[in-house]
Protein backbone atom coordinates (compact mmCIF):
# COMPACT_ATOMS: atom_id res chain seq x y z
CA MET A 1 -25.62 -16.45 35.45
CA ALA A 2 -24.32 -13.16 34.45
CA PRO A 3 -26.63 -9.99 34.70
CA PRO A 4 -28.26 -8.93 32.14
CA SER A 5 -26.83 -5.66 31.86
CA LEU A 6 -24.25 -3.61 34.24
CA ARG A 7 -23.05 -0.45 34.38
CA TYR A 8 -19.41 0.71 32.92
CA GLU A 9 -18.20 4.37 33.20
CA GLY A 10 -21.57 5.39 33.03
CA CYS A 11 -22.51 3.99 29.92
CA LEU A 12 -25.15 0.83 30.09
CA ILE A 13 -23.64 -2.67 28.07
CA LEU A 14 -26.17 -5.06 27.61
CA ASN A 15 -25.11 -8.72 28.06
CA MET A 16 -26.48 -10.51 24.62
CA ASN A 17 -28.55 -12.91 27.10
CA SER A 18 -30.51 -9.78 27.46
CA LEU A 19 -30.70 -9.17 24.04
CA ILE A 20 -31.34 -11.99 22.62
CA GLN A 21 -34.29 -12.54 25.48
CA GLN A 22 -35.84 -9.19 24.07
CA VAL A 23 -35.43 -10.65 20.52
CA SER A 24 -37.05 -13.54 21.05
CA GLU A 25 -39.66 -12.17 22.73
CA THR A 26 -40.58 -9.63 19.74
CA VAL A 27 -40.39 -12.65 17.15
CA GLY A 28 -41.98 -15.50 19.21
CA VAL A 29 -39.01 -17.79 19.20
CA LEU A 30 -37.91 -18.89 22.06
CA PRO A 31 -34.18 -19.65 23.08
CA ASP A 32 -35.05 -22.52 24.53
CA SER A 33 -32.45 -25.11 22.75
CA GLN A 34 -28.82 -24.21 21.60
CA ASP A 35 -30.40 -24.35 17.75
CA LYS A 36 -33.07 -21.52 18.56
CA GLU A 37 -29.98 -19.40 20.51
CA ALA A 38 -27.45 -19.38 17.46
CA GLN A 39 -30.53 -18.59 15.25
CA VAL A 40 -31.58 -15.62 17.08
CA LEU A 41 -28.26 -14.71 16.99
CA GLY A 42 -27.72 -15.06 13.38
CA TRP A 43 -30.77 -12.76 13.24
CA LEU A 44 -28.74 -10.41 15.33
CA ASN A 45 -25.78 -9.94 13.20
CA ARG A 46 -27.70 -9.59 9.97
CA ALA A 47 -29.66 -6.97 11.60
CA ALA A 48 -26.57 -5.37 13.03
CA VAL A 49 -24.72 -5.64 9.47
CA MET A 50 -27.59 -3.67 8.17
CA ILE A 51 -27.76 -0.85 10.57
CA TYR A 52 -24.00 -0.55 10.66
CA ASP A 53 -23.51 -0.45 6.61
CA GLN A 54 -26.23 2.27 5.91
CA TYR A 55 -24.75 4.57 9.37
CA ASP A 56 -22.06 6.07 10.52
CA LEU A 57 -22.96 4.79 14.46
CA PRO A 58 -21.68 5.83 17.56
CA GLY A 59 -18.15 4.46 18.35
CA SER A 60 -17.75 3.35 15.13
CA VAL A 61 -15.43 6.29 13.56
CA PHE A 62 -11.65 6.50 14.58
CA GLU A 63 -9.19 8.49 14.01
CA GLN A 64 -5.30 7.34 13.70
CA PHE A 65 -1.96 8.28 13.17
CA PHE A 66 -0.09 5.77 10.23
CA CYS A 67 3.06 6.66 8.69
CA VAL A 68 3.91 5.37 5.10
CA ASP A 69 6.32 5.10 2.82
CA ASN A 70 5.15 8.20 -0.16
CA ASN A 71 7.59 6.85 -2.66
CA GLU A 72 5.28 3.91 -3.07
CA HIS A 73 2.69 3.80 -4.73
CA VAL A 74 0.13 1.74 -3.24
CA ILE A 75 -0.16 0.97 0.13
CA THR A 76 -2.52 -1.64 2.30
CA PHE A 77 -4.26 -0.55 5.85
CA PRO A 78 -4.44 -2.67 8.72
CA TRP A 79 -7.52 -5.60 8.95
CA TYR A 80 -9.67 -2.99 10.78
CA VAL A 81 -9.79 -0.04 8.39
CA GLY A 82 -13.48 -0.80 7.04
CA ALA A 83 -13.92 2.66 5.03
CA ILE A 84 -12.11 5.56 4.86
CA ARG A 85 -14.14 8.93 5.39
CA GLY A 86 -11.00 11.35 5.96
CA VAL A 87 -7.11 11.74 5.02
CA ARG A 88 -4.72 14.55 5.77
CA TRP A 89 -0.95 14.93 5.85
CA HIS A 90 0.09 15.18 9.63
CA ASP A 91 2.84 17.93 9.38
CA SER A 92 1.36 20.42 6.88
CA SER A 93 -2.56 19.40 7.60
CA ARG A 94 -2.67 19.70 3.84
CA LEU A 95 -5.86 17.72 2.75
CA VAL A 96 -6.15 14.52 0.65
CA THR A 97 -8.99 13.96 -1.40
CA THR A 98 -10.04 10.07 -2.17
CA ARG A 99 -11.50 8.99 -5.18
CA ASP A 100 -12.30 5.49 -6.64
CA MET A 101 -10.55 3.79 -9.85
CA ARG A 102 -12.77 5.51 -12.34
CA PRO A 103 -11.51 8.96 -13.24
CA ARG A 104 -8.97 7.41 -14.77
CA TYR A 105 -10.97 5.84 -17.38
CA HIS A 106 -13.23 8.92 -18.06
CA GLY A 107 -12.92 10.35 -21.70
CA VAL A 108 -10.42 13.12 -20.83
CA PRO A 109 -6.91 12.16 -20.39
CA TRP A 110 -6.31 11.80 -16.05
CA THR A 111 -3.24 11.37 -14.30
CA GLN A 112 -3.66 10.73 -10.56
CA PRO A 113 -2.94 14.22 -8.96
CA TYR A 114 -0.82 14.72 -6.11
CA LEU A 115 -2.57 15.07 -2.85
CA GLN A 116 -5.43 12.85 -4.65
CA TRP A 117 -5.84 8.86 -3.67
CA ARG A 118 -7.71 6.21 -5.15
CA GLN A 119 -9.24 3.50 -3.41
CA ILE A 120 -8.35 0.73 -5.15
CA ALA A 121 -10.18 -2.94 -3.68
CA ALA A 122 -10.07 -5.20 -0.56
CA THR A 123 -7.35 -7.87 -1.03
CA PRO A 124 -6.65 -10.65 1.20
CA LEU A 125 -3.12 -10.05 1.58
CA HIS A 126 -1.45 -6.99 3.68
CA THR A 127 2.04 -7.81 1.86
CA PRO A 128 2.30 -9.17 -1.72
CA LEU A 129 3.80 -12.67 -2.14
CA THR A 130 7.24 -12.72 -3.66
CA ASN A 131 7.37 -16.05 -4.99
CA ALA A 132 5.32 -18.94 -5.71
CA GLY A 133 5.27 -21.41 -2.34
CA PRO A 134 3.14 -22.68 0.39
CA LEU A 135 1.70 -21.04 3.10
CA THR A 136 1.58 -21.76 6.54
CA PHE A 137 -1.18 -20.88 9.17
CA GLN A 138 -1.08 -20.14 12.95
CA ILE A 139 -2.95 -20.02 15.92
CA ASN A 140 -1.56 -19.04 19.18
CA ALA A 141 -4.60 -20.58 21.34
CA ILE A 142 -5.74 -24.13 21.15
CA GLU A 143 -9.03 -24.51 19.98
CA THR A 144 -11.71 -26.95 21.60
CA GLN A 145 -13.28 -27.74 18.51
CA PRO A 146 -12.30 -28.30 14.74
CA PHE A 147 -12.41 -25.56 12.03
CA GLU A 148 -11.53 -25.07 8.39
CA ILE A 149 -9.20 -22.65 6.74
CA ILE A 150 -10.18 -22.52 2.60
CA ILE A 151 -8.01 -20.64 0.43
CA ASN A 152 -8.61 -19.70 -3.01
CA GLY A 153 -5.88 -18.78 -5.21
CA GLN A 154 -3.64 -18.66 -8.39
CA THR A 155 -0.76 -21.76 -9.02
CA SER A 156 0.96 -22.80 -12.00
CA LEU A 157 -1.34 -25.02 -13.11
CA ALA A 158 -4.23 -23.19 -12.62
CA ALA A 159 -5.97 -19.94 -12.37
CA ASN A 160 -7.64 -20.13 -9.39
CA VAL A 161 -7.78 -23.38 -6.94
CA THR A 162 -9.80 -24.04 -3.58
CA GLU A 163 -7.86 -25.81 -0.46
CA VAL A 164 -9.36 -26.64 2.65
CA ILE A 165 -6.69 -27.03 5.65
CA THR A 166 -8.59 -28.36 8.69
CA PHE A 167 -7.17 -27.70 12.37
CA THR A 168 -8.42 -30.25 14.72
CA PRO A 169 -8.08 -29.25 18.85
CA GLY A 170 -4.49 -29.33 19.55
CA ASP A 171 -3.03 -27.91 16.40
CA LEU A 172 -1.37 -24.75 16.01
CA VAL A 173 0.70 -24.72 12.52
CA LYS A 174 -0.54 -25.86 9.55
CA THR A 175 0.95 -25.69 5.83
CA SER A 176 -0.94 -25.44 2.50
CA VAL A 177 -0.14 -28.39 -0.10
CA ASN A 178 -0.58 -26.13 -2.71
CA LEU A 179 2.45 -23.21 -3.81
CA PHE A 180 0.19 -20.18 -4.65
CA GLU A 181 1.60 -17.60 -6.98
CA PRO A 182 1.92 -13.89 -6.57
CA GLU A 183 -0.81 -11.57 -8.62
CA SER A 184 0.05 -12.29 -12.07
CA PRO A 185 -2.91 -11.96 -12.40
CA PHE A 186 -5.10 -13.06 -9.59
CA GLY A 187 -3.11 -14.49 -7.03
CA ILE A 188 -4.58 -15.23 -3.82
CA THR A 189 -7.97 -13.96 -3.93
CA SER A 190 -9.59 -15.01 -0.94
CA ILE A 191 -8.32 -16.76 2.78
CA LYS A 192 -11.52 -17.69 5.11
CA LYS A 193 -11.89 -19.88 7.91
CA SER A 194 -15.10 -21.57 9.32
CA LYS A 195 -15.72 -20.10 12.69
CA TYR A 196 -14.59 -17.71 14.95
CA THR A 197 -11.48 -18.39 17.09
CA ASN A 198 -9.76 -17.78 20.24
CA SER A 199 -6.85 -16.16 18.40
CA ASP A 200 -5.64 -14.16 15.14
CA VAL A 201 -4.99 -16.77 12.36
CA ILE A 202 -1.66 -15.61 10.76
CA VAL A 203 -0.76 -16.25 7.54
CA ARG A 204 2.80 -16.61 6.47
CA MET A 205 5.12 -17.64 3.34
CA ALA A 206 6.47 -20.65 4.37
CA ALA A 207 9.62 -19.95 3.01
CA THR A 208 10.27 -16.64 4.82
CA GLN A 209 8.20 -16.79 7.41
CA LEU A 210 6.96 -13.34 6.50
CA GLU A 211 3.57 -12.46 7.56
CA VAL A 212 1.40 -11.90 4.56
CA ALA A 213 -2.02 -11.56 6.08
CA ARG A 214 -4.32 -12.01 9.17
CA ILE A 215 -7.83 -13.61 9.96
CA ALA A 216 -8.76 -11.30 13.03
CA ASN A 217 -10.12 -13.43 15.95
CA ASN A 218 -13.78 -12.13 15.53
CA GLN A 219 -13.59 -11.87 11.72
CA LEU A 220 -14.18 -15.01 9.12
CA TYR A 221 -11.99 -13.80 6.14
CA ALA A 222 -8.90 -11.68 5.55
CA SER A 223 -9.27 -8.28 4.00
CA ASN A 224 -7.21 -5.35 3.78
CA LEU A 225 -8.09 -2.01 2.31
CA ARG A 226 -5.84 -1.46 -0.63
CA VAL A 227 -4.88 2.29 -1.74
CA GLN A 228 -2.89 4.10 -4.67
CA ILE A 229 -1.17 7.24 -3.42
CA LEU A 230 1.14 7.86 -5.74
CA ASP A 231 0.56 7.48 -9.76
CA TRP A 232 2.51 5.03 -11.61
CA ASN A 233 4.69 7.18 -13.39
CA ALA A 234 5.31 9.63 -10.68
CA SER A 235 8.79 9.56 -9.54
CA THR A 236 8.62 11.70 -6.41
CA PRO A 237 6.33 11.74 -3.28
CA PHE A 238 3.47 13.94 -2.66
CA ILE A 239 5.50 16.25 -0.01
CA ILE A 240 9.41 16.05 0.32
CA GLY A 241 9.91 14.98 3.82
CA GLU A 242 6.35 14.27 5.11
CA ASP A 243 6.03 10.23 5.43
CA CYS A 244 2.68 10.62 8.09
CA VAL A 245 -1.02 11.01 7.42
CA GLU A 246 -3.99 11.65 9.99
CA VAL A 247 -6.91 8.90 8.66
CA LEU A 248 -10.31 9.43 9.71
CA TYR A 249 -12.01 5.74 9.09
CA LYS A 250 -14.85 3.71 9.87
CA GLN A 251 -13.83 0.28 11.77
CA ARG A 252 -14.77 -2.71 10.06
CA PHE A 253 -17.78 -4.35 11.49
CA SER A 254 -17.08 -6.77 14.45
CA PRO A 255 -20.06 -9.71 14.70
CA PHE A 256 -21.30 -10.66 17.69
CA VAL A 257 -19.71 -13.63 17.96
CA ASN A 258 -21.10 -15.82 21.29
CA ILE A 259 -24.09 -14.78 24.13
CA ASN A 260 -20.96 -13.31 26.04
CA SER A 261 -20.60 -10.72 23.02
CA ILE A 262 -22.18 -6.85 24.41
CA TRP A 263 -23.87 -3.87 22.85
CA THR A 264 -22.46 -0.96 24.14
CA ASP A 265 -24.96 1.40 22.92
CA GLU A 266 -28.31 1.59 24.74
CA ARG A 267 -29.74 4.14 22.02
CA LEU A 268 -29.50 1.21 19.71
CA VAL A 269 -30.61 -1.40 21.40
CA GLN A 270 -34.27 -1.39 19.70
CA ALA A 271 -33.01 -0.76 16.29
CA LEU A 272 -31.88 -4.14 16.62
CA VAL A 273 -34.84 -5.63 17.79
CA TYR A 274 -36.64 -4.26 15.16
CA GLY A 275 -34.09 -4.97 12.56
CA VAL A 276 -34.71 -8.40 13.67
CA LYS A 277 -38.26 -8.27 13.30
CA TYR A 278 -38.27 -6.99 9.64
CA ILE A 279 -35.90 -9.54 8.79
CA TYR A 280 -38.08 -12.37 10.55
CA ALA A 281 -41.52 -10.93 8.90
CA PHE A 282 -39.85 -10.39 5.58
CA GLU A 283 -39.16 -14.50 5.52
CA LYS A 284 -42.25 -15.06 6.45
CA GLU A 285 -43.43 -12.88 3.53
CA LYS A 286 -45.61 -10.37 6.28
CA LEU A 287 -44.81 -7.79 3.94
CA ASP A 288 -46.60 -5.07 5.64
CA ILE A 289 -45.18 -6.01 9.10
CA ALA A 290 -41.81 -6.21 7.61
CA ASP A 291 -42.31 -2.66 6.07
CA ALA A 292 -43.72 -1.14 9.79
CA SER A 293 -40.36 -2.57 11.03
CA LYS A 294 -38.00 -1.79 8.90
CA GLN A 295 -39.25 2.53 8.68
CA VAL A 296 -38.86 2.36 12.77
CA MET A 297 -35.39 0.99 12.77
CA ALA A 298 -34.24 3.73 10.15
CA GLU A 299 -36.11 6.22 12.12
CA ILE A 300 -34.13 5.52 15.82
CA CYS A 301 -31.02 5.06 13.79
CA LYS A 302 -31.54 8.44 12.07
CA ASN A 303 -32.36 10.11 15.42
CA VAL A 304 -29.58 8.50 17.17
CA CYS A 305 -26.87 9.72 14.57
CA GLU A 306 -28.73 13.12 14.20
CA ASN A 307 -28.14 13.86 18.02
CA LEU A 308 -24.73 12.57 17.50
CA GLU A 309 -24.16 15.42 14.87
CA SER A 310 -25.41 18.01 16.52
CA SER A 311 -23.95 17.45 20.07
CA THR A 312 -20.98 19.53 21.01
CA GLU A 313 -18.00 18.71 19.03
CA LEU A 314 -15.03 17.89 20.91
CA MET A 315 -11.46 18.59 19.37
CA VAL A 316 -8.39 16.13 19.89
CA GLN A 317 -5.34 17.94 20.84
CA THR A 318 -2.35 16.55 19.47
CA THR A 319 0.64 19.47 20.30
CA ARG A 320 1.35 21.11 23.63
CA HIS A 321 -1.17 23.39 24.84
CA ALA A 322 -0.28 26.80 26.07
CA THR A 323 -1.66 25.59 29.70
CA GLN A 324 0.28 22.50 29.49
CA ASP A 325 1.69 23.21 32.97
CA ALA A 326 -1.16 24.87 34.63
CA ALA A 327 -2.15 23.12 37.46
CA ILE A 328 -6.20 22.32 36.71
CA MET A 329 -6.37 21.75 33.06
CA PHE A 330 -8.59 19.61 30.44
CA PRO A 331 -6.26 16.39 29.81
CA THR A 332 -5.10 16.09 25.83
CA TYR A 333 -5.08 13.27 24.18
CA PRO A 334 -2.23 12.29 21.03
CA LEU A 335 -3.33 10.36 18.18
CA VAL A 336 -3.07 6.31 18.05
CA GLN A 337 -0.14 5.27 16.61
CA GLY A 338 -0.16 2.62 13.64
CA GLY A 339 1.33 1.59 10.59
CA VAL A 340 0.48 0.15 7.15
CA ARG A 341 2.31 -2.03 4.91
CA ASN A 342 3.82 -1.48 1.64
CA LEU A 343 1.89 -3.74 -1.16
CA TRP A 344 3.99 -2.75 -4.44
């Protein structure tokens, strides 16, 4: 049996067995069967989502270097970008302000200014369909248990149809029966799977085998953030010759998949425990206990985040330092490079 916790590079990493035991002792539900263990794991995920959505927790915010075609109007970001916290063009360091869709529809005429982005919506496709046709779904690691892919989308016969594709053990590729259409106006509205898998589910247009969507192995649905970077009537890019941006983003939540998952920040373990206690008490209509547990959870998260913000801010260096050739110096870290896909 794996140890309840271990040290890794100076950080305490709690195995889910230990965390499940703590939660079980708190709510009085012992994980003495597979069903009860799954129930406690479900409570932990609900509590974790509740905390993750309310706070930018340590280790949840990243910066990455993306290259875009700034002659395009709309782009999508990779599946792991959950929310954008800040953007700037790399070469000029000019700030990009992000907005939602509403300013265009104020009483005063409004055209999207340069150096402003509009966050439109999440979409299951990172690349648009070019023609109506079937979709292929591929995994690269065999599953031992069956699972389903559920697609909702538009065809020539209906505004929305639901197709369920079943993968049995040994299956690696499946193709849809329906011929799904590009956005006119709906297109494909959701692509989901029924359980976590050993590998990503890659979605392609059957005719061209072009990848158009992906469900990460630790996610249950495809989602990509869609952003309008240039107004529809604009004919020139933001900054001539500049096509790379630095993006500060909050990573999409990664759930606890099984008891081998880990929770990497010991400061938030008790927040998780009290979050589960809140959910359990609320379901049992013990509202006084639920309210007290929620307050303790919020206080723990608030203190962790405030301590993080007040700590020494470290600079990420992306250019050559004057002491680059010195025998003793602090290490430099380049930004991680990535890519975004043009949607239109």
